[in-house]
PDB file of all heavy atoms in Angstrom:
ATOM      1  N   LYS A   1       0.825  -1.205   0.000  1.00  0.00           N
ATOM      2  CA  LYS A   1       0.000   0.000   0.000  1.00  0.00           C
ATOM      3  C   LYS A   1       0.859   1.254   0.000  1.00  0.00           C
ATOM      4  O   LYS A   1       0.572   2.226  -0.700  1.00  0.00           O
ATOM      5  CB  LYS A   1      -0.934   0.005   1.217  1.00  0.00           C
ATOM      6  CG  LYS A   1      -2.080  -0.997   1.131  1.00  0.00           C
ATOM      7  CD  LYS A   1      -2.993  -0.883   2.336  1.00  0.00           C
ATOM      8  CE  LYS A   1      -4.152  -1.871   2.242  1.00  0.00           C
ATOM      9  NZ  LYS A   1      -5.049  -1.769   3.432  1.00  0.00           N
ATOM     10  N   LEU A   2       1.924   1.218   0.796  1.00  0.00           N
ATOM     11  CA  LEU A   2       2.803   2.386   0.898  1.00  0.00           C
ATOM     12  C   LEU A   2       3.539   2.668  -0.405  1.00  0.00           C
ATOM     13  O   LEU A   2       3.858   3.824  -0.717  1.00  0.00           O
ATOM     14  CB  LEU A   2       3.823   2.181   2.026  1.00  0.00           C
ATOM     15  CG  LEU A   2       3.287   2.234   3.452  1.00  0.00           C
ATOM     16  CD1 LEU A   2       4.350   1.768   4.436  1.00  0.00           C
ATOM     17  CD2 LEU A   2       2.833   3.653   3.810  1.00  0.00           C
ATOM     18  N   THR A   3       3.834   1.612  -1.158  1.00  0.00           N
ATOM     19  CA  THR A   3       4.630   1.778  -2.373  1.00  0.00           C
ATOM     20  C   THR A   3       3.802   1.655  -3.645  1.00  0.00           C
ATOM     21  O   THR A   3       4.354   1.531  -4.741  1.00  0.00           O
ATOM     22  CB  THR A   3       5.771   0.744  -2.409  1.00  0.00           C
ATOM     23  OG1 THR A   3       5.217  -0.587  -2.354  1.00  0.00           O
ATOM     24  CG2 THR A   3       6.729   0.935  -1.248  1.00  0.00           C
ATOM     25  N   ALA A   4       2.477   1.671  -3.516  1.00  0.00           N
ATOM     26  CA  ALA A   4       1.616   1.573  -4.687  1.00  0.00           C
ATOM     27  C   ALA A   4       1.902   2.733  -5.642  1.00  0.00           C
ATOM     28  O   ALA A   4       2.133   3.864  -5.221  1.00  0.00           O
ATOM     29  CB  ALA A   4       0.152   1.586  -4.267  1.00  0.00           C
ATOM     30  N   VAL A   5       1.881   2.437  -6.944  1.00  0.00           N
ATOM     31  CA  VAL A   5       2.180   3.450  -7.952  1.00  0.00           C
ATOM     32  C   VAL A   5       0.988   3.577  -8.896  1.00  0.00           C
ATOM     33  O   VAL A   5       0.620   2.620  -9.580  1.00  0.00           O
ATOM     34  CB  VAL A   5       3.432   3.068  -8.775  1.00  0.00           C
ATOM     35  CG1 VAL A   5       3.730   4.149  -9.806  1.00  0.00           C
ATOM     36  CG2 VAL A   5       4.628   2.851  -7.861  1.00  0.00           C
ATOM     37  N   ALA A   6       0.366   4.736  -8.917  1.00  0.00           N
ATOM     38  CA  ALA A   6      -0.709   4.993  -9.876  1.00  0.00           C
ATOM     39  C   ALA A   6      -0.076   5.142 -11.261  1.00  0.00           C
ATOM     40  O   ALA A   6       0.889   5.889 -11.431  1.00  0.00           O
ATOM     41  CB  ALA A   6      -1.472   6.258  -9.496  1.00  0.00           C
ATOM     42  N   PHE A   7      -0.613   4.423 -12.234  1.00  0.00           N
ATOM     43  CA  PHE A   7       0.003   4.401 -13.564  1.00  0.00           C
ATOM     44  C   PHE A   7       0.113   5.801 -14.158  1.00  0.00           C
ATOM     45  O   PHE A   7       1.114   6.139 -14.795  1.00  0.00           O
ATOM     46  CB  PHE A   7      -0.809   3.495 -14.502  1.00  0.00           C
ATOM     47  CG  PHE A   7      -0.056   3.085 -15.741  1.00  0.00           C
ATOM     48  CD1 PHE A   7       0.755   1.963 -15.740  1.00  0.00           C
ATOM     49  CD2 PHE A   7      -0.148   3.834 -16.907  1.00  0.00           C
ATOM     50  CE1 PHE A   7       1.471   1.593 -16.878  1.00  0.00           C
ATOM     51  CE2 PHE A   7       0.551   3.469 -18.044  1.00  0.00           C
ATOM     52  CZ  PHE A   7       1.359   2.343 -18.027  1.00  0.00           C
ATOM     53  N   ASP A   8      -0.914   6.626 -13.924  1.00  0.00           N
ATOM     54  CA  ASP A   8      -0.890   7.971 -14.502  1.00  0.00           C
ATOM     55  C   ASP A   8       0.096   8.895 -13.792  1.00  0.00           C
ATOM     56  O   ASP A   8       0.295  10.044 -14.208  1.00  0.00           O
ATOM     57  CB  ASP A   8      -2.286   8.601 -14.517  1.00  0.00           C
ATOM     58  CG  ASP A   8      -2.903   8.703 -13.126  1.00  0.00           C
ATOM     59  OD1 ASP A   8      -2.248   8.284 -12.145  1.00  0.00           O
ATOM     60  OD2 ASP A   8      -4.034   9.202 -13.036  1.00  0.00           O
ATOM     61  N   LYS A   9       0.716   8.404 -12.717  1.00  0.00           N
ATOM     62  CA  LYS A   9       1.743   9.188 -12.017  1.00  0.00           C
ATOM     63  C   LYS A   9       3.154   8.776 -12.424  1.00  0.00           C
ATOM     64  O   LYS A   9       4.133   9.391 -11.984  1.00  0.00           O
ATOM     65  CB  LYS A   9       1.577   9.022 -10.504  1.00  0.00           C
ATOM     66  CG  LYS A   9       0.239   9.486  -9.953  1.00  0.00           C
ATOM     67  CD  LYS A   9       0.003  10.970 -10.192  1.00  0.00           C
ATOM     68  CE  LYS A   9      -1.321  11.409  -9.572  1.00  0.00           C
ATOM     69  NZ  LYS A   9      -1.609  12.842  -9.844  1.00  0.00           N
ATOM     70  N   LEU A  10       3.270   7.754 -13.252  1.00  0.00           N
ATOM     71  CA  LEU A  10       4.588   7.323 -13.701  1.00  0.00           C
ATOM     72  C   LEU A  10       5.216   8.398 -14.588  1.00  0.00           C
ATOM     73  O   LEU A  10       4.533   9.002 -15.430  1.00  0.00           O
ATOM     74  CB  LEU A  10       4.484   6.021 -14.496  1.00  0.00           C
ATOM     75  CG  LEU A  10       4.237   4.732 -13.709  1.00  0.00           C
ATOM     76  CD1 LEU A  10       3.857   3.602 -14.660  1.00  0.00           C
ATOM     77  CD2 LEU A  10       5.462   4.345 -12.898  1.00  0.00           C
ATOM     78  N   PRO A  11       6.520   8.659 -14.441  1.00  0.00           N
ATOM     79  CA  PRO A  11       7.201   9.651 -15.290  1.00  0.00           C
ATOM     80  C   PRO A  11       7.514   9.062 -16.662  1.00  0.00           C
ATOM     81  O   PRO A  11       8.668   8.738 -16.969  1.00  0.00           O
ATOM     82  CB  PRO A  11       8.462   9.957 -14.495  1.00  0.00           C
ATOM     83  CG  PRO A  11       8.738   8.690 -13.739  1.00  0.00           C
ATOM     84  CD  PRO A  11       7.407   8.095 -13.413  1.00  0.00           C
ATOM     85  N   LEU A  12       6.486   8.923 -17.499  1.00  0.00           N
ATOM     86  CA  LEU A  12       6.630   8.204 -18.764  1.00  0.00           C
ATOM     87  C   LEU A  12       7.642   8.844 -19.706  1.00  0.00           C
ATOM     88  O   LEU A  12       8.177   8.166 -20.590  1.00  0.00           O
ATOM     89  CB  LEU A  12       5.260   8.099 -19.454  1.00  0.00           C
ATOM     90  CG  LEU A  12       4.171   7.360 -18.657  1.00  0.00           C
ATOM     91  CD1 LEU A  12       2.889   7.289 -19.476  1.00  0.00           C
ATOM     92  CD2 LEU A  12       4.630   5.962 -18.263  1.00  0.00           C
ATOM     93  N   LYS A  13       7.926  10.120 -19.508  1.00  0.00           N
ATOM     94  CA  LYS A  13       8.927  10.784 -20.366  1.00  0.00           C
ATOM     95  C   LYS A  13      10.315  10.193 -20.158  1.00  0.00           C
ATOM     96  O   LYS A  13      11.200  10.353 -21.013  1.00  0.00           O
ATOM     97  CB  LYS A  13       8.949  12.286 -20.073  1.00  0.00           C
ATOM     98  CG  LYS A  13       9.490  12.653 -18.704  1.00  0.00           C
ATOM     99  CD  LYS A  13       9.463  14.146 -18.467  1.00  0.00           C
ATOM    100  CE  LYS A  13      10.136  14.531 -17.152  1.00  0.00           C
ATOM    101  NZ  LYS A  13       9.532  13.862 -15.977  1.00  0.00           N
ATOM    102  N   ASP A  14      10.520   9.517 -19.042  1.00  0.00           N
ATOM    103  CA  ASP A  14      11.819   8.926 -18.729  1.00  0.00           C
ATOM    104  C   ASP A  14      11.907   7.456 -19.153  1.00  0.00           C
ATOM    105  O   ASP A  14      12.858   6.762 -18.786  1.00  0.00           O
ATOM    106  CB  ASP A  14      12.106   9.038 -17.231  1.00  0.00           C
ATOM    107  CG  ASP A  14      12.313  10.479 -16.795  1.00  0.00           C
ATOM    108  OD1 ASP A  14      12.671  11.317 -17.654  1.00  0.00           O
ATOM    109  OD2 ASP A  14      12.108  10.772 -15.606  1.00  0.00           O
ATOM    110  N   ALA A  15      10.908   7.001 -19.906  1.00  0.00           N
ATOM    111  CA  ALA A  15      10.881   5.606 -20.353  1.00  0.00           C
ATOM    112  C   ALA A  15      11.074   5.527 -21.865  1.00  0.00           C
ATOM    113  O   ALA A  15      10.822   6.489 -22.599  1.00  0.00           O
ATOM    114  CB  ALA A  15       9.560   4.959 -19.965  1.00  0.00           C
ATOM    115  N   ILE A  16      11.514   4.373 -22.327  1.00  0.00           N
ATOM    116  CA  ILE A  16      11.567   4.078 -23.757  1.00  0.00           C
ATOM    117  C   ILE A  16      10.202   3.520 -24.144  1.00  0.00           C
ATOM    118  O   ILE A  16       9.756   2.519 -23.581  1.00  0.00           O
ATOM    119  CB  ILE A  16      12.684   3.061 -24.076  1.00  0.00           C
ATOM    120  CG1 ILE A  16      14.054   3.649 -23.723  1.00  0.00           C
ATOM    121  CG2 ILE A  16      12.642   2.657 -25.541  1.00  0.00           C
ATOM    122  CD1 ILE A  16      15.197   2.651 -23.850  1.00  0.00           C
ATOM    123  N   LYS A  17       9.559   4.161 -25.095  1.00  0.00           N
ATOM    124  CA  LYS A  17       8.207   3.754 -25.505  1.00  0.00           C
ATOM    125  C   LYS A  17       8.300   2.765 -26.660  1.00  0.00           C
ATOM    126  O   LYS A  17       8.860   3.062 -27.711  1.00  0.00           O
ATOM    127  CB  LYS A  17       7.395   4.981 -25.916  1.00  0.00           C
ATOM    128  CG  LYS A  17       5.941   4.686 -26.267  1.00  0.00           C
ATOM    129  CD  LYS A  17       5.211   5.984 -26.622  1.00  0.00           C
ATOM    130  CE  LYS A  17       3.769   5.723 -27.003  1.00  0.00           C
ATOM    131  NZ  LYS A  17       3.062   6.990 -27.361  1.00  0.00           N
ATOM    132  N   ILE A  18       7.741   1.574 -26.448  1.00  0.00           N
ATOM    133  CA  ILE A  18       7.767   0.511 -27.459  1.00  0.00           C
ATOM    134  C   ILE A  18       6.319   0.135 -27.776  1.00  0.00           C
ATOM    135  O   ILE A  18       5.573  -0.296 -26.894  1.00  0.00           O
ATOM    136  CB  ILE A  18       8.541  -0.716 -26.943  1.00  0.00           C
ATOM    137  CG1 ILE A  18       9.977  -0.319 -26.558  1.00  0.00           C
ATOM    138  CG2 ILE A  18       8.550  -1.830 -27.985  1.00  0.00           C
ATOM    139  CD1 ILE A  18      10.715  -1.376 -25.768  1.00  0.00           C
ATOM    140  N   VAL A  19       5.919   0.320 -29.025  1.00  0.00           N
ATOM    141  CA  VAL A  19       4.530   0.057 -29.434  1.00  0.00           C
ATOM    142  C   VAL A  19       4.482  -1.177 -30.316  1.00  0.00           C
ATOM    143  O   VAL A  19       5.219  -1.279 -31.307  1.00  0.00           O
ATOM    144  CB  VAL A  19       3.934   1.264 -30.176  1.00  0.00           C
ATOM    145  CG1 VAL A  19       2.486   0.976 -30.580  1.00  0.00           C
ATOM    146  CG2 VAL A  19       4.009   2.515 -29.303  1.00  0.00           C
ATOM    147  N   ARG A  20       3.601  -2.105 -29.962  1.00  0.00           N
ATOM    148  CA  ARG A  20       3.379  -3.306 -30.767  1.00  0.00           C
ATOM    149  C   ARG A  20       1.911  -3.351 -31.174  1.00  0.00           C
ATOM    150  O   ARG A  20       1.019  -3.172 -30.334  1.00  0.00           O
ATOM    151  CB  ARG A  20       3.756  -4.564 -29.988  1.00  0.00           C
ATOM    152  CG  ARG A  20       5.232  -4.628 -29.602  1.00  0.00           C
ATOM    153  CD  ARG A  20       5.635  -6.021 -29.137  1.00  0.00           C
ATOM    154  NE  ARG A  20       7.049  -6.067 -28.773  1.00  0.00           N
ATOM    155  CZ  ARG A  20       7.504  -6.073 -27.525  1.00  0.00           C
ATOM    156  NH1 ARG A  20       6.656  -6.049 -26.509  1.00  0.00           N
ATOM    157  NH2 ARG A  20       8.803  -6.117 -27.284  1.00  0.00           N
ATOM    158  N   GLY A  21       1.663  -3.610 -32.463  1.00  0.00           N
ATOM    159  CA  GLY A  21       0.288  -3.659 -32.949  1.00  0.00           C
ATOM    160  C   GLY A  21      -0.397  -2.318 -32.780  1.00  0.00           C
ATOM    161  O   GLY A  21       0.189  -1.262 -33.040  1.00  0.00           O
ATOM    162  N   ASN A  22      -1.646  -2.347 -32.299  1.00  0.00           N
ATOM    163  CA  ASN A  22      -2.383  -1.091 -32.130  1.00  0.00           C
ATOM    164  C   ASN A  22      -2.000  -0.345 -30.847  1.00  0.00           C
ATOM    165  O   ASN A  22      -2.395   0.804 -30.643  1.00  0.00           O
ATOM    166  CB  ASN A  22      -3.899  -1.338 -32.170  1.00  0.00           C
ATOM    167  CG  ASN A  22      -4.369  -2.282 -31.057  1.00  0.00           C
ATOM    168  OD1 ASN A  22      -3.803  -2.329 -29.961  1.00  0.00           O
ATOM    169  ND2 ASN A  22      -5.418  -3.050 -31.343  1.00  0.00           N
ATOM    170  N   GLY A  23      -1.246  -0.996 -29.975  1.00  0.00           N
ATOM    171  CA  GLY A  23      -0.732  -0.334 -28.772  1.00  0.00           C
ATOM    172  C   GLY A  23      -1.778   0.102 -27.770  1.00  0.00           C
ATOM    173  O   GLY A  23      -1.480   0.912 -26.878  1.00  0.00           O
ATOM    174  N   LYS A  24      -2.999  -0.426 -27.859  1.00  0.00           N
ATOM    175  CA  LYS A  24      -4.078   0.044 -26.983  1.00  0.00           C
ATOM    176  C   LYS A  24      -3.842  -0.302 -25.515  1.00  0.00           C
ATOM    177  O   LYS A  24      -4.155   0.474 -24.623  1.00  0.00           O
ATOM    178  CB  LYS A  24      -5.415  -0.545 -27.448  1.00  0.00           C
ATOM    179  CG  LYS A  24      -5.940   0.075 -28.733  1.00  0.00           C
ATOM    180  CD  LYS A  24      -7.308  -0.480 -29.071  1.00  0.00           C
ATOM    181  CE  LYS A  24      -7.873   0.198 -30.325  1.00  0.00           C
ATOM    182  NZ  LYS A  24      -9.218  -0.322 -30.666  1.00  0.00           N
TER     183      LYS A  24
END
C-alpha cells in the first residue's frame, strides 16, 4: 500500500516507448 504506484503518475517521459500492434 505504501509503495503503490498509480500508472498515470509514472514519469513516462523517462521511459523508452515501445509500441506493438495497435498499442491500446
